[in-house]
């Protein structure tokens, strides 16, 4: 879940983010996104999981 959350946060921050380190605010946002993924997984299981082949996506 953490990789999905990190992907979403990096997408939200955009290409203008200059450093790899996250600010405290960004860390909080990352935790919120990850929690959202966990809640979805706990309630729906793998029903909404889509597997992409070949690294596309």
Protein backbone atom coordinates (compact mmCIF):
# COMPACT_ATOMS: atom_id res chain seq x y z
CA UNK A 1 0.00 0.00 0.00
CA UNK A 2 2.86 2.34 0.74
CA UNK A 3 4.12 2.21 -2.86
CA UNK A 4 0.68 3.08 -4.19
CA UNK A 5 0.39 5.95 -1.74
CA UNK A 6 3.86 7.22 -2.63
CA UNK A 7 3.04 7.04 -6.34
CA UNK A 8 -0.14 9.06 -5.81
CA UNK A 9 1.64 11.67 -3.69
CA UNK A 10 4.45 12.07 -6.23
CA UNK A 11 1.84 12.50 -8.96
CA UNK A 12 0.05 15.10 -6.86
CA UNK A 13 3.28 16.99 -6.12
CA UNK A 14 4.25 16.99 -9.78
CA UNK A 15 7.57 17.40 -11.50
CA UNK A 16 8.34 20.61 -9.62
CA UNK A 17 9.30 18.69 -6.46
CA UNK A 18 13.07 19.16 -6.29
CA UNK A 19 14.06 16.89 -3.42
CA UNK A 20 13.33 13.27 -2.60
CA UNK A 21 12.82 14.10 1.09
CA UNK A 22 9.27 14.81 2.15
CA UNK A 23 8.23 17.69 4.36
CA UNK A 24 6.21 17.00 7.50
CA UNK A 25 3.06 18.08 5.65
CA UNK A 26 3.83 15.74 2.76
CA UNK A 27 4.49 12.85 5.20
CA UNK A 28 1.06 13.46 6.73
CA UNK A 29 -0.56 13.49 3.30
CA UNK A 30 1.25 10.25 2.42
CA UNK A 31 -0.08 8.60 5.59
CA UNK A 32 -3.63 9.74 4.71
CA UNK A 33 -3.37 8.30 1.20
CA UNK A 34 -1.96 5.02 2.48
CA UNK A 35 -4.74 4.75 5.08
CA UNK A 36 -7.29 5.28 2.31
CA UNK A 37 -5.81 2.35 0.36
CA UNK A 38 -5.86 0.11 3.45
CA UNK A 39 -9.52 0.94 4.16
CA UNK A 40 -10.43 0.16 0.56
CA UNK A 41 -8.55 -3.14 0.68
CA UNK A 42 -10.06 -4.13 4.03
CA UNK A 43 -13.62 -3.45 2.87
CA UNK A 44 -13.47 -4.60 -0.75
CA UNK A 45 -10.58 -7.09 -0.74
CA UNK A 46 -9.12 -7.57 -4.20
CA UNK A 47 -12.35 -6.77 -6.07
CA UNK A 48 -10.95 -3.46 -7.35
CA UNK A 49 -7.41 -4.63 -8.04
CA UNK A 50 -6.26 -4.35 -11.65
CA UNK A 51 -3.01 -6.07 -12.61
CA UNK A 52 -1.08 -4.51 -15.48
CA UNK A 53 1.47 -6.61 -17.32
CA UNK A 54 4.80 -5.46 -18.68
CA UNK A 55 5.24 -2.56 -16.30
CA UNK A 56 2.73 -0.40 -18.14
CA UNK A 57 0.70 1.97 -16.06
